[in-house]
Protein backbone atom coordinates (compact mmCIF):
# COMPACT_ATOMS: atom_id res chain seq x y z
CA MET A 1 0.36 30.30 11.72
CA ILE A 2 3.55 29.30 9.90
CA ARG A 3 4.98 25.88 10.68
CA ALA A 4 8.00 24.05 9.28
CA THR A 5 7.10 21.79 6.39
CA THR A 6 8.90 18.64 5.26
CA ALA A 7 10.58 18.78 1.83
CA HIS A 8 12.25 15.62 0.59
CA ARG A 9 15.44 15.46 -1.47
CA SER A 10 16.60 12.37 -3.32
CA VAL A 11 19.29 10.19 -1.80
CA HIS A 12 21.08 7.27 -3.46
CA VAL A 13 19.73 3.88 -2.41
CA GLY A 14 21.97 0.80 -2.49
CA HIS A 15 21.27 -2.71 -3.77
CA ASP A 16 20.63 -4.07 -0.28
CA ASP A 17 18.08 -1.37 0.51
CA VAL A 18 15.57 -2.03 -2.28
CA ILE A 19 13.08 -4.80 -2.95
CA GLU A 20 13.45 -6.82 -6.14
CA ARG A 21 11.32 -5.48 -8.97
CA THR A 22 7.98 -7.21 -9.58
CA ALA A 23 5.55 -7.07 -12.48
CA ARG A 24 2.63 -6.01 -10.27
CA CYS A 25 1.70 -2.33 -10.21
CA PRO A 26 1.93 -1.27 -6.54
CA ILE A 27 -1.03 1.08 -7.00
CA CYS A 28 -3.71 -0.99 -8.73
CA GLY A 29 -2.22 -4.49 -8.92
CA ASP A 30 -2.22 -4.75 -12.71
CA GLU A 31 0.47 -7.14 -13.96
CA GLY A 32 0.80 -5.77 -17.47
CA ALA A 33 3.95 -4.13 -18.79
CA ARG A 34 4.66 -0.72 -17.29
CA ARG A 35 6.31 1.99 -19.40
CA PRO A 36 9.58 3.54 -18.11
CA VAL A 37 9.45 7.35 -18.11
CA VAL A 38 12.15 8.68 -15.77
CA LEU A 39 15.50 7.35 -14.54
CA LEU A 40 15.75 8.06 -10.82
CA GLN A 41 19.25 6.70 -10.16
CA ASN A 42 21.96 4.35 -11.42
CA ASN A 43 23.57 1.37 -9.68
CA PRO A 44 21.06 0.02 -9.03
CA ASP A 45 19.07 1.42 -11.93
CA ILE A 46 15.71 2.62 -10.63
CA ARG A 47 13.06 4.14 -12.88
CA LEU A 48 9.57 5.50 -12.63
CA LEU A 49 7.21 3.17 -14.51
CA VAL A 50 3.74 4.18 -15.71
CA CYS A 51 0.93 1.65 -15.36
CA ARG A 52 -1.35 1.15 -18.38
CA ARG A 53 -4.40 0.63 -16.14
CA CYS A 54 -4.25 3.27 -13.41
CA HIS A 55 -1.82 5.66 -15.17
CA GLY A 56 0.14 6.18 -11.97
CA ALA A 57 3.95 6.29 -12.07
CA SER A 58 5.79 4.20 -9.45
CA ALA A 59 9.40 3.37 -8.67
CA SER A 60 10.57 0.13 -10.27
CA HIS A 61 12.25 -0.83 -6.97
CA MET A 62 10.68 0.03 -3.64
CA PRO A 63 12.87 0.79 -0.61
CA THR A 64 12.83 -1.85 2.10
CA ALA A 65 10.85 -1.19 5.27
CA GLY A 66 14.08 -1.12 7.26
CA PHE A 67 15.67 1.48 5.01
CA LEU A 68 12.59 3.72 5.16
CA GLN A 69 12.49 3.47 8.94
CA ARG A 70 16.12 4.60 9.17
CA TYR A 71 15.61 7.28 6.51
CA TYR A 72 12.64 8.92 8.21
CA ALA A 73 14.21 8.65 11.66
CA ARG A 74 17.21 10.64 10.42
CA TYR A 75 15.12 13.01 8.35
CA HIS A 76 12.82 14.16 11.14
CA GLU A 77 15.53 14.68 13.78
CA GLY A 78 15.26 18.22 15.10
CA ARG A 79 12.63 19.32 12.60
CA GLY A 80 9.80 19.97 15.06
CA ALA A 81 6.24 19.82 13.75
CA ARG A 82 5.71 17.51 10.81
CA VAL A 83 3.25 19.12 8.43
CA THR A 84 2.77 19.01 4.67
CA PHE A 85 2.09 22.70 3.96
CA ALA A 86 4.00 25.59 5.51
CA ASP A 87 1.16 28.13 5.85
CA SER A 88 -1.65 26.25 7.57
CA ALA A 89 -4.05 29.21 7.52
CA ARG A 90 -3.70 29.66 3.76
CA PHE A 91 -4.10 25.92 3.20
CA ALA A 92 -7.22 25.85 5.39
CA LYS A 93 -8.83 28.72 3.48
CA HIS A 94 -8.02 27.01 0.18
CA ILE A 95 -9.57 23.71 1.26
CA THR A 96 -12.69 25.12 2.90
CA ASP A 97 -13.41 27.39 -0.07
CA LEU A 98 -13.48 24.27 -2.28
CA LEU A 99 -15.78 22.14 -0.13
CA PRO A 100 -19.40 21.91 -1.36
CA ARG A 101 -20.68 21.18 2.16
CA VAL A 102 -19.52 21.47 5.78
CA PRO A 103 -17.99 18.29 7.26
CA THR A 104 -18.12 17.61 10.99
CA ARG A 105 -15.96 14.44 11.07
CA ILE A 106 -12.50 14.68 9.47
CA LEU A 107 -9.87 12.00 8.92
CA ASP A 108 -6.43 13.54 8.36
CA PHE A 109 -4.36 10.73 6.84
CA GLY A 110 -0.62 11.23 7.23
CA GLY A 111 -1.34 14.64 8.74
CA GLY A 112 1.69 14.84 11.02
CA ASP A 113 0.64 16.56 14.23
CA GLY A 114 -2.75 17.58 12.79
CA THR A 115 -1.90 21.28 12.43
CA LEU A 116 -3.45 21.54 8.97
CA SER A 117 -6.70 19.74 9.76
CA VAL A 118 -7.09 21.80 12.94
CA ALA A 119 -6.72 24.96 10.85
CA VAL A 120 -9.41 23.62 8.51
CA ALA A 121 -11.66 22.89 11.51
CA GLN A 122 -11.18 26.41 12.89
CA ARG A 123 -12.59 27.86 9.68
CA LEU A 124 -15.46 25.38 9.61
CA LEU A 125 -16.50 26.39 13.14
CA GLU A 126 -17.95 29.52 11.57
CA THR A 127 -20.81 27.35 10.27
CA THR A 128 -20.96 24.30 12.58
CA ALA A 129 -20.96 23.74 16.34
CA SER A 130 -18.11 21.24 16.66
CA ILE A 131 -15.59 19.20 14.65
CA ASP A 132 -14.14 15.75 15.34
CA ILE A 133 -10.70 15.03 13.86
CA THR A 134 -8.82 11.75 13.65
CA VAL A 135 -5.17 12.02 12.63
CA ILE A 136 -3.42 8.93 11.25
CA ASP A 137 0.29 9.43 11.83
CA TRP A 138 3.16 8.47 14.13
CA SER A 139 3.48 12.05 15.41
CA GLU A 140 1.81 13.24 18.59
CA PRO A 141 -1.24 15.40 17.81
CA VAL A 142 -1.19 19.13 18.43
CA VAL A 143 -3.13 20.54 21.37
CA THR A 144 -6.33 22.02 19.93
CA PRO A 145 -6.88 25.74 20.58
CA ASP A 146 -10.68 25.39 20.85
CA SER A 147 -12.69 22.94 22.96
CA ARG A 148 -15.16 22.59 20.09
CA ILE A 149 -12.42 20.79 18.11
CA ARG A 150 -11.90 17.25 19.37
CA ILE A 151 -8.80 15.48 18.09
CA ASP A 152 -8.00 11.77 18.20
CA ALA A 153 -4.91 9.98 16.89
CA ALA A 154 -4.04 6.54 15.57
CA ARG A 155 -0.89 5.02 14.07
CA THR A 156 -2.52 3.10 11.17
CA ILE A 157 -5.71 3.27 9.14
CA GLY A 158 -6.59 -0.23 10.33
CA GLU A 159 -7.11 1.10 13.86
CA ARG A 160 -10.16 3.12 12.78
CA ALA A 161 -13.29 1.61 11.22
CA ASP A 162 -15.43 4.77 11.39
CA GLU A 163 -16.78 6.70 8.42
CA TYR A 164 -15.94 10.37 7.85
CA ASP A 165 -17.43 13.39 6.11
CA LEU A 166 -14.01 14.48 4.83
CA ILE A 167 -10.72 12.65 4.38
CA ILE A 168 -7.65 14.81 3.84
CA ALA A 169 -4.65 13.11 2.20
CA SER A 170 -2.30 16.01 1.52
CA ALA A 171 1.19 15.19 0.20
CA VAL A 172 1.19 11.69 1.69
CA LEU A 173 0.04 9.07 -0.86
CA GLU A 174 3.29 9.39 -2.81
CA HIS A 175 5.14 8.05 0.26
CA ILE A 176 3.22 4.75 0.58
CA PRO A 177 4.91 1.85 -1.28
CA ASP A 178 1.84 -0.43 -1.33
CA LEU A 179 -0.98 1.86 -2.40
CA GLN A 180 -2.94 -1.15 -3.67
CA ALA A 181 -3.56 -2.14 -0.04
CA LEU A 182 -4.14 1.39 1.27
CA LEU A 183 -6.48 3.03 -1.24
CA PRO A 184 -9.44 0.65 -0.74
CA GLN A 185 -9.10 1.00 3.05
CA LEU A 186 -8.90 4.77 2.88
CA THR A 187 -11.83 5.30 0.51
CA ALA A 188 -13.97 2.77 2.42
CA ARG A 189 -13.93 5.23 5.33
CA ILE A 190 -15.66 7.95 3.34
CA ARG A 191 -19.33 7.94 4.29
CA PRO A 192 -21.89 8.07 1.42
CA GLY A 193 -21.93 11.69 0.33
CA GLY A 194 -18.57 12.27 2.04
CA LEU A 195 -15.52 13.81 0.40
CA LEU A 196 -11.86 13.04 -0.27
CA TYR A 197 -9.34 15.85 -0.71
CA ALA A 198 -5.95 14.69 -2.02
CA ARG A 199 -2.83 16.54 -3.10
CA THR A 200 0.03 14.69 -4.84
CA PRO A 201 3.19 15.41 -6.84
CA TYR A 202 2.91 15.52 -10.64
CA ILE A 203 6.60 15.79 -11.52
CA VAL A 204 7.15 13.41 -14.46
CA PRO A 205 6.41 15.93 -17.26
CA LEU A 206 8.73 18.50 -15.63
CA ARG A 207 11.48 15.93 -15.06
CA ARG A 208 11.50 15.12 -18.77
CA VAL A 209 12.57 18.69 -19.62
CA LEU A 210 14.26 19.95 -16.44
CA PRO A 211 16.55 18.32 -13.82
CA VAL A 212 13.98 18.66 -11.02
CA ASP A 213 14.29 16.45 -7.96
CA VAL A 214 11.63 13.73 -7.70
CA GLY A 215 12.44 13.05 -4.04
CA TYR A 216 13.09 9.29 -4.18
CA PRO A 217 13.08 7.23 -1.94
CA ALA A 218 10.62 9.32 0.09
CA HIS A 219 8.46 9.81 -2.99
CA VAL A 220 7.87 6.43 -4.66
CA HIS A 221 4.84 7.45 -6.78
CA ASP A 222 4.00 10.34 -9.10
CA LEU A 223 0.22 10.81 -9.31
CA GLY A 224 -0.98 13.42 -11.75
CA ARG A 225 -3.97 14.31 -13.90
CA ASP A 226 -4.27 11.00 -15.78
CA PHE A 227 -4.07 8.95 -12.57
CA TRP A 228 -6.85 10.88 -10.84
CA ASP A 229 -9.01 10.88 -13.97
CA ALA A 230 -8.76 7.07 -14.10
CA LEU A 231 -9.19 6.35 -10.38
CA PRO A 232 -13.03 6.04 -10.35
CA THR A 233 -12.86 3.50 -13.20
CA TRP A 234 -10.91 0.83 -11.30
CA LEU A 235 -11.13 1.50 -7.56
CA PRO A 236 -13.98 -0.46 -5.89
CA ALA A 237 -15.33 2.56 -3.97
CA PRO A 238 -17.99 4.47 -5.94
CA LEU A 239 -16.35 7.86 -6.40
CA ARG A 240 -17.36 10.90 -8.43
CA THR A 241 -14.84 13.63 -9.24
CA LEU A 242 -15.96 17.10 -8.18
CA LEU A 243 -12.65 18.88 -8.82
CA SER A 244 -9.40 17.85 -10.50
CA ARG A 245 -6.76 20.49 -11.23
CA PRO A 246 -3.19 21.65 -10.57
CA SER A 247 -2.60 22.00 -6.85
CA LEU A 248 -2.21 25.13 -4.80
CA VAL A 249 1.27 26.64 -4.89
CA ALA A 250 2.90 25.67 -1.60
CA ALA A 251 5.73 28.22 -1.67
CA SER A 252 5.17 31.43 0.28
CA TRP A 253 5.60 34.81 -1.47
CA ARG A 254 7.12 36.20 1.73
CA ARG A 255 9.48 33.33 2.59
CA GLN A 256 10.24 31.85 -0.88
CA PRO A 257 9.43 34.57 -3.45
CA LEU A 258 11.48 33.17 -6.35
CA ARG A 259 10.12 29.66 -5.89
CA ALA A 260 6.58 31.01 -5.61
CA LEU A 261 7.00 33.09 -8.78
CA ALA A 262 8.36 30.10 -10.75
CA ALA A 263 5.50 27.88 -9.57
CA HIS A 264 2.83 30.40 -10.50
CA LEU A 265 4.36 30.94 -13.93
CA MET A 266 4.47 27.19 -14.60
CA LYS A 267 0.83 26.77 -13.58
CA PHE A 268 -0.51 29.84 -15.40
CA PRO A 269 -1.10 28.10 -18.80
CA THR A 270 -3.65 25.81 -17.12
CA HIS A 271 -6.04 28.76 -17.18
CA VAL A 272 -6.10 28.21 -20.95
CA SER A 273 -5.74 24.42 -21.16
CA ARG A 274 -6.16 21.73 -18.52
CA ARG A 275 -3.86 19.52 -20.63
CA TRP A 276 -0.81 21.66 -19.78
CA PRO A 277 1.32 19.16 -17.84
CA PHE A 278 4.15 21.23 -16.32
CA VAL A 279 2.48 22.02 -13.01
CA GLY A 280 4.43 20.04 -10.37
CA GLY A 281 1.41 18.91 -8.36
CA TRP A 282 -2.27 17.92 -8.62
CA GLU A 283 -5.27 18.10 -6.31
CA VAL A 284 -8.71 16.53 -6.35
CA ILE A 285 -11.96 16.50 -4.46
CA MET A 286 -13.96 13.30 -4.87
CA GLU A 287 -17.37 12.37 -3.48
CA ARG A 288 -18.48 8.90 -2.45
CA THR A 289 -21.78 8.38 -4.23
CA SER A 290 -23.19 5.43 -2.27
């Protein structure tokens, strides 16, 4: 099934619509100096800054809550289903092929209407009797096509204290200004032996050589290879990395052939060296060890 996906383009943000810059890294809380790597806009000058501890890149000035509320209200008008990957069936196959075990309880964080996690569940039903899904989002959940898939919805992560076999965070973490508050909550909901799948932009290396759009103020973080490699060293949750690599190409050969070709060409050198940085996105699977 093909559904409309949300792609974010940068817009200029005014002085009154950003929060004053602080020394604290909004991802890990470190208060050391952060290195500027990319200029996002002028007047006010807003840059991506890389943290020395977590290696994540974050905007020097975060948009205010009021601005983001207005921005997303305008952005989603008339766009229908809010999903993070256009071809849900292809995404589901990709995810399920990577999983080392079959989950029966899934938390889809920022999953829009749940289309993607439902597609994942439909594939998993080949090997399990039923799947429970909780979607954390402000959208209304999709009607499930199979009674063996039970779907629940909540507005915030704080509304659910359960533990899950699989948490999906696909193309959402880059939108959350205060990741320092979110990441411990999110990973605490992975049961021992459970899994986290995450997909995030990794644009900074490309932006240094090409005028690619970072997507600010929707995207306020850039989280690539170095960030995910460092995550288990500072986050309280005991996590072990099972997979860390450039993410699946989101563009469709049928609908966006030139974009798909460019993405595949940029990612191809990673077959030779994992250190090749010009990939545009990163994905990981992590396991909670205890």
